[in-house]
Amino acid sequence: MAKKIGIIGGGQLGLMIAEEAHRQGALVYALDPAPDAPAFAECDGHIVAAYDDLGALEQLGDMTDVLTYEFENVPGDILRHLEGKYNIPQGIAPLFDSQDRLREKNNAKRHGLPVPDYVPLPACSSDEDCAEVPCELTDGQRREELSEAVKKVGMPCVLKTRRLGYDGHGQAVIREEKDIEKAAELLHVPCILEAFVPFDYECSVIMVRDGQKTIHFPIGRNIHKGGILDLCIVPAGTLYVAGNQSNPEQTPLCGRIVAACEKFMEGCDYRGILAIELFIKGNDFVFNEMAPRPHNSGHYTI
């Protein structure tokens, strides 16, 4: 009997999962709040419901053999109710860790990945827990807190919302004093202020781990337009020495990146698929963010 896969999220990445699952003889069902979600066109059945609709999520779990997610903004708190009750092979830890930029940065630093200098804001927010509204601040208090944090981190720097920011959304670059007042408007929700990284380019490392073995695909160089990934060049030229194209020799930097990323995934005991984005500057690299799902920079692996 064919295995049934349930996907939380019905975007283009869910559609691609469904296409590959069908090639392997599985049936696929997806849940998404949009009635015209792309993945529905490829699925054997679907549920139109909000990501925080616990009853609908349990319905998806009851009708399938395994659950996964293709979208990192599925509420981690809701998924806590599903873990242990349903078969979620990669668990919810990587999703939960990726949903809060502060927790994500703390986790990367704890497991050996280099990170830019950063400060959580407002100051009354917890280093680990991201409440919806950490505390009430006046406009003046927000500007003052941000000004003090900018002095610590230095300019240029970037203020980012800790949750629900992606593709350039929920971010404000601070290059001079006059940028602080506008950026402070973000502090109605928990944020993180990060030092701006003057990188040469961004790269992505796509890894898969089953709990014992970790594999990685060739590292790709990312090119963005308007904060959205537009092109991924694989392999990233400066990380590989030209030669035998079927087996290019890796540079020392490439080897260090792979070793650090695999050590991170194994140290966190993450399973399933993980994309890690890194900033490359000369012979160094800095952690940017991670995504515990199929990633646009990994389309070449299809």
Protein backbone atom coordinates (compact mmCIF):
# COMPACT_ATOMS: atom_id res chain seq x y z
CA MET A 1 0.00 0.00 0.00
CA ALA A 2 1.30 3.46 -0.92
CA LYS A 3 2.61 5.62 1.90
CA LYS A 4 0.77 8.86 2.56
CA ILE A 5 2.74 12.05 3.15
CA GLY A 6 1.15 15.11 4.78
CA ILE A 7 2.69 18.51 4.02
CA ILE A 8 1.97 21.53 6.21
CA GLY A 9 2.13 24.33 3.66
CA GLY A 10 1.07 24.33 0.04
CA GLY A 11 3.51 26.64 -1.73
CA GLN A 12 5.78 25.91 -4.68
CA LEU A 13 8.16 23.96 -2.44
CA GLY A 14 5.25 21.76 -1.34
CA LEU A 15 4.38 21.24 -4.99
CA MET A 16 7.95 20.09 -5.68
CA ILE A 17 7.85 17.71 -2.73
CA ALA A 18 4.59 16.27 -4.06
CA GLU A 19 6.01 15.80 -7.56
CA GLU A 20 9.01 13.87 -6.23
CA ALA A 21 6.88 11.88 -3.79
CA HIS A 22 4.63 10.77 -6.65
CA ARG A 23 7.69 9.63 -8.61
CA GLN A 24 8.52 7.44 -5.63
CA GLY A 25 5.01 5.98 -5.44
CA ALA A 26 3.69 7.91 -2.42
CA LEU A 27 0.40 9.75 -2.02
CA VAL A 28 0.47 13.38 -0.90
CA TYR A 29 -1.93 15.59 1.07
CA ALA A 30 -1.33 19.24 1.96
CA LEU A 31 -2.78 21.87 4.28
CA ASP A 32 -2.72 25.55 3.41
CA PRO A 33 -4.97 28.57 4.14
CA ALA A 34 -5.09 29.53 0.45
CA PRO A 35 -7.72 27.65 -1.58
CA ASP A 36 -5.54 28.01 -4.70
CA ALA A 37 -2.27 26.95 -3.08
CA PRO A 38 0.18 25.72 -5.78
CA ALA A 39 0.78 22.32 -4.17
CA PHE A 40 -2.93 21.45 -4.32
CA ALA A 41 -2.63 20.99 -8.09
CA GLU A 42 -0.26 18.06 -7.54
CA CYS A 43 -1.72 16.60 -4.34
CA ASP A 44 -4.08 13.64 -3.96
CA GLY A 45 -6.10 15.59 -1.42
CA HIS A 46 -5.89 18.82 0.52
CA ILE A 47 -7.25 20.77 3.48
CA VAL A 48 -7.91 24.50 3.36
CA ALA A 49 -7.25 25.76 6.89
CA ALA A 50 -5.07 28.16 8.86
CA TYR A 51 -1.66 26.96 10.03
CA ASP A 52 -2.75 27.41 13.65
CA ASP A 53 -5.95 25.36 13.24
CA LEU A 54 -5.05 22.45 15.51
CA GLY A 55 -8.12 20.42 14.51
CA ALA A 56 -7.22 20.67 10.82
CA LEU A 57 -3.58 19.79 11.50
CA GLU A 58 -4.69 16.72 13.45
CA GLN A 59 -6.99 15.78 10.57
CA LEU A 60 -3.95 15.91 8.24
CA GLY A 61 -1.98 13.79 10.70
CA ASP A 62 -4.78 11.22 11.04
CA MET A 63 -5.05 10.70 7.28
CA THR A 64 -1.31 10.31 6.59
CA ASP A 65 1.65 8.16 7.64
CA VAL A 66 4.19 10.96 7.97
CA LEU A 67 4.11 14.76 8.38
CA THR A 68 6.53 17.39 7.15
CA TYR A 69 6.52 21.16 6.55
CA GLU A 70 7.61 23.31 3.63
CA PHE A 71 7.20 26.74 5.19
CA GLU A 72 9.10 28.00 8.25
CA ASN A 73 6.37 30.31 9.52
CA VAL A 74 4.08 27.45 10.58
CA PRO A 75 3.53 28.26 14.29
CA GLY A 76 6.03 26.17 16.26
CA ASP A 77 3.86 26.35 19.38
CA ILE A 78 1.03 24.60 17.53
CA LEU A 79 3.35 21.90 16.22
CA ARG A 80 4.33 21.07 19.81
CA HIS A 81 0.87 19.52 20.14
CA LEU A 82 1.55 17.27 17.13
CA GLU A 83 5.03 16.06 18.10
CA GLY A 84 4.86 12.64 19.69
CA LYS A 85 1.31 12.09 18.47
CA TYR A 86 2.21 11.91 14.78
CA ASN A 87 5.25 10.76 12.80
CA ILE A 88 7.32 13.89 12.13
CA PRO A 89 10.76 12.40 11.33
CA GLN A 90 12.73 15.65 11.47
CA GLY A 91 10.87 16.80 14.57
CA ILE A 92 9.99 20.41 15.25
CA ALA A 93 13.26 21.54 16.86
CA PRO A 94 14.87 22.86 13.64
CA LEU A 95 11.65 24.66 12.69
CA PHE A 96 11.24 26.12 16.19
CA ASP A 97 14.88 27.28 16.30
CA SER A 98 14.66 28.94 12.88
CA GLN A 99 11.54 30.95 13.71
CA ASP A 100 13.21 33.39 16.11
CA ARG A 101 16.28 35.22 14.81
CA LEU A 102 17.70 35.63 18.30
CA ARG A 103 17.29 31.96 19.19
CA GLU A 104 18.72 31.11 15.75
CA LYS A 105 21.82 33.30 16.28
CA ASN A 106 22.34 32.04 19.85
CA ASN A 107 22.09 28.46 18.59
CA ALA A 108 24.57 29.04 15.74
CA LYS A 109 27.06 30.70 18.09
CA ARG A 110 26.66 27.94 20.68
CA HIS A 111 27.50 25.27 18.08
CA GLY A 112 30.54 26.95 16.58
CA LEU A 113 29.26 28.90 13.58
CA PRO A 114 30.70 32.45 13.39
CA VAL A 115 27.99 35.13 13.71
CA PRO A 116 27.96 38.93 13.41
CA ASP A 117 27.71 41.00 16.59
CA TYR A 118 24.07 41.27 17.69
CA VAL A 119 21.87 42.72 20.44
CA PRO A 120 18.25 41.77 21.30
CA LEU A 121 15.74 44.65 21.41
CA PRO A 122 13.79 45.92 23.27
CA ALA A 123 16.08 45.32 26.23
CA CYS A 124 13.18 43.91 28.28
CA SER A 125 12.72 41.02 25.86
CA SER A 126 14.03 37.61 26.89
CA ASP A 127 17.18 36.25 25.25
CA GLU A 128 15.41 32.96 24.54
CA ASP A 129 11.67 33.55 24.57
CA CYS A 130 10.04 35.80 22.02
CA ALA A 131 6.77 37.13 23.41
CA GLU A 132 4.39 38.81 20.97
CA VAL A 133 4.86 42.19 22.68
CA PRO A 134 7.71 42.09 25.25
CA CYS A 135 6.85 45.40 26.90
CA GLU A 136 5.20 48.72 26.19
CA LEU A 137 7.61 51.48 25.18
CA THR A 138 7.02 55.07 24.17
CA ASP A 139 8.37 56.33 20.84
CA GLY A 140 11.12 58.11 22.73
CA GLN A 141 12.10 54.98 24.65
CA ARG A 142 12.29 52.96 21.43
CA ARG A 143 14.59 55.52 19.82
CA GLU A 144 16.75 55.71 22.94
CA GLU A 145 17.12 51.93 23.25
CA LEU A 146 17.95 51.59 19.57
CA SER A 147 20.49 54.43 19.75
CA GLU A 148 22.29 52.75 22.66
CA ALA A 149 22.31 49.39 20.84
CA VAL A 150 23.69 51.02 17.69
CA LYS A 151 26.57 52.42 19.75
CA LYS A 152 27.41 48.87 20.88
CA VAL A 153 27.13 47.22 17.47
CA GLY A 154 28.33 50.12 15.34
CA MET A 155 27.15 51.43 12.00
CA PRO A 156 26.18 50.23 9.49
CA CYS A 157 23.86 47.71 11.14
CA VAL A 158 20.52 46.04 10.45
CA LEU A 159 17.45 45.93 12.70
CA LYS A 160 15.33 42.83 12.07
CA THR A 161 12.10 41.57 13.58
CA ARG A 162 12.77 38.33 15.44
CA ARG A 163 9.81 36.59 13.83
CA LEU A 164 8.07 36.54 10.45
CA GLY A 165 10.71 38.45 8.54
CA TYR A 166 11.85 37.03 5.19
CA ASP A 167 12.95 38.16 1.71
CA GLY A 168 13.93 41.56 3.07
CA HIS A 169 10.68 42.15 4.98
CA GLY A 170 10.79 43.23 8.62
CA GLN A 171 14.24 44.78 8.26
CA ALA A 172 15.74 48.27 8.39
CA VAL A 173 19.34 49.18 7.53
CA ILE A 174 20.90 51.87 9.72
CA ARG A 175 23.79 53.67 8.04
CA GLU A 176 23.64 57.02 9.83
CA GLU A 177 21.95 58.68 12.82
CA LYS A 178 18.93 59.85 10.85
CA ASP A 179 18.00 56.23 10.04
CA ILE A 180 17.43 55.40 13.71
CA GLU A 181 14.06 57.14 14.10
CA LYS A 182 12.49 55.34 11.13
CA ALA A 183 14.00 51.97 12.10
CA ALA A 184 12.72 52.31 15.69
CA GLU A 185 9.17 51.81 14.40
CA LEU A 186 9.98 48.09 14.12
CA LEU A 187 10.37 47.91 17.91
CA HIS A 188 6.64 47.44 18.41
CA VAL A 189 7.62 43.75 18.25
CA PRO A 190 10.77 41.92 19.48
CA CYS A 191 13.77 42.59 17.26
CA ILE A 192 17.47 41.89 16.94
CA LEU A 193 20.09 44.43 15.90
CA GLU A 194 22.95 42.91 13.89
CA ALA A 195 26.22 44.35 12.67
CA PHE A 196 26.18 44.78 8.90
CA VAL A 197 28.42 42.21 7.22
CA PRO A 198 30.37 43.66 4.24
CA PHE A 199 30.28 40.37 2.37
CA ASP A 200 31.55 39.49 -1.09
CA TYR A 201 28.59 37.20 -1.73
CA GLU A 202 26.15 34.82 -0.03
CA CYS A 203 26.28 31.06 -0.39
CA SER A 204 23.97 28.19 0.58
CA VAL A 205 24.87 24.79 1.96
CA ILE A 206 22.13 22.17 1.48
CA MET A 207 22.44 19.21 3.85
CA VAL A 208 20.43 16.09 4.67
CA ARG A 209 20.83 13.98 7.82
CA ASP A 210 19.07 10.79 8.93
CA GLY A 211 20.39 10.82 12.49
CA GLN A 212 23.58 8.95 11.66
CA LYS A 213 24.93 10.09 8.31
CA THR A 214 25.07 13.68 7.04
CA ILE A 215 25.47 14.52 3.36
CA HIS A 216 25.84 17.86 1.59
CA PHE A 217 25.38 19.00 -1.99
CA PRO A 218 27.77 21.30 -3.89
CA ILE A 219 27.71 24.80 -2.39
CA GLY A 220 25.89 27.43 -4.44
CA ARG A 221 26.45 31.17 -4.78
CA ASN A 222 23.27 33.25 -4.38
CA ILE A 223 22.38 36.39 -6.29
CA HIS A 224 19.42 38.46 -5.08
CA LYS A 225 17.14 41.07 -6.62
CA GLY A 226 15.12 43.23 -4.25
CA GLY A 227 16.01 40.97 -1.32
CA ILE A 228 14.66 37.86 -3.10
CA LEU A 229 16.81 35.02 -4.44
CA ASP A 230 17.02 35.40 -8.22
CA LEU A 231 19.87 33.13 -9.28
CA CYS A 232 21.95 30.38 -7.71
CA ILE A 233 25.26 29.47 -9.35
CA VAL A 234 26.49 25.95 -8.58
CA PRO A 235 29.21 25.29 -7.69
CA ALA A 236 30.15 28.63 -6.12
CA GLY A 237 33.18 29.46 -8.25
CA THR A 238 35.58 30.87 -5.66
CA LEU A 239 34.98 27.92 -3.32
CA TYR A 240 36.08 25.34 -5.88
CA VAL A 241 39.30 25.10 -7.85
CA ALA A 242 38.81 24.78 -11.60
CA GLY A 243 39.92 21.41 -12.89
CA ASN A 244 38.15 18.13 -13.28
CA GLN A 245 34.55 19.34 -13.47
CA SER A 246 33.15 16.00 -12.32
CA ASN A 247 35.21 16.19 -9.13
CA PRO A 248 36.49 19.73 -8.54
CA GLU A 249 39.03 20.14 -5.79
CA GLN A 250 37.63 22.03 -2.83
CA THR A 251 39.49 25.03 -1.44
CA PRO A 252 40.41 25.11 2.28
CA LEU A 253 37.57 27.62 2.81
CA CYS A 254 35.08 25.24 1.20
CA GLY A 255 36.26 22.40 3.43
CA ARG A 256 35.96 24.58 6.55
CA ILE A 257 32.44 25.62 5.60
CA VAL A 258 31.29 22.04 5.05
CA ALA A 259 32.89 20.83 8.29
CA ALA A 260 31.37 23.68 10.33
CA CYS A 261 27.88 23.25 8.86
CA GLU A 262 27.84 19.48 9.32
CA LYS A 263 29.15 19.88 12.89
CA PHE A 264 26.32 22.36 13.55
CA MET A 265 23.61 20.04 12.18
CA GLU A 266 24.96 17.06 14.09
CA GLY A 267 25.49 19.07 17.29
CA CYS A 268 21.86 20.22 17.18
CA ASP A 269 20.78 16.66 16.30
CA TYR A 270 18.68 18.01 13.42
CA ARG A 271 17.26 15.49 10.96
CA GLY A 272 15.85 15.85 7.49
CA ILE A 273 16.86 18.69 5.20
CA LEU A 274 18.57 21.91 6.25
CA ALA A 275 19.74 24.90 4.22
CA ILE A 276 22.31 27.21 5.83
CA GLU A 277 23.00 30.61 4.30
CA LEU A 278 26.45 32.10 4.88
CA PHE A 279 28.09 35.41 4.02
CA ILE A 280 31.51 35.01 2.39
CA LYS A 281 34.16 37.71 2.87
CA GLY A 282 37.62 36.88 1.57
CA ASN A 283 38.70 33.68 3.29
CA ASP A 284 36.10 33.89 6.07
CA PHE A 285 32.41 33.08 6.42
CA VAL A 286 29.62 34.30 8.74
CA PHE A 287 26.28 32.65 9.53
CA ASN A 288 23.23 34.47 8.14
CA GLU A 289 20.23 32.18 8.65
CA MET A 290 18.93 28.64 8.20
CA ALA A 291 15.83 26.99 6.75
CA PRO A 292 14.77 23.45 7.80
CA ARG A 293 12.91 22.70 4.58
CA PRO A 294 13.47 22.48 0.82
CA HIS A 295 15.13 25.75 -0.15
CA ASN A 296 15.03 27.78 -3.37
CA SER A 297 18.83 27.66 -3.57
CA GLY A 298 18.60 23.85 -3.71
CA HIS A 299 16.37 23.49 -6.77
CA TYR A 300 19.37 22.16 -8.73
CA THR A 301 19.26 18.99 -6.61
CA ILE A 302 15.96 17.86 -8.19
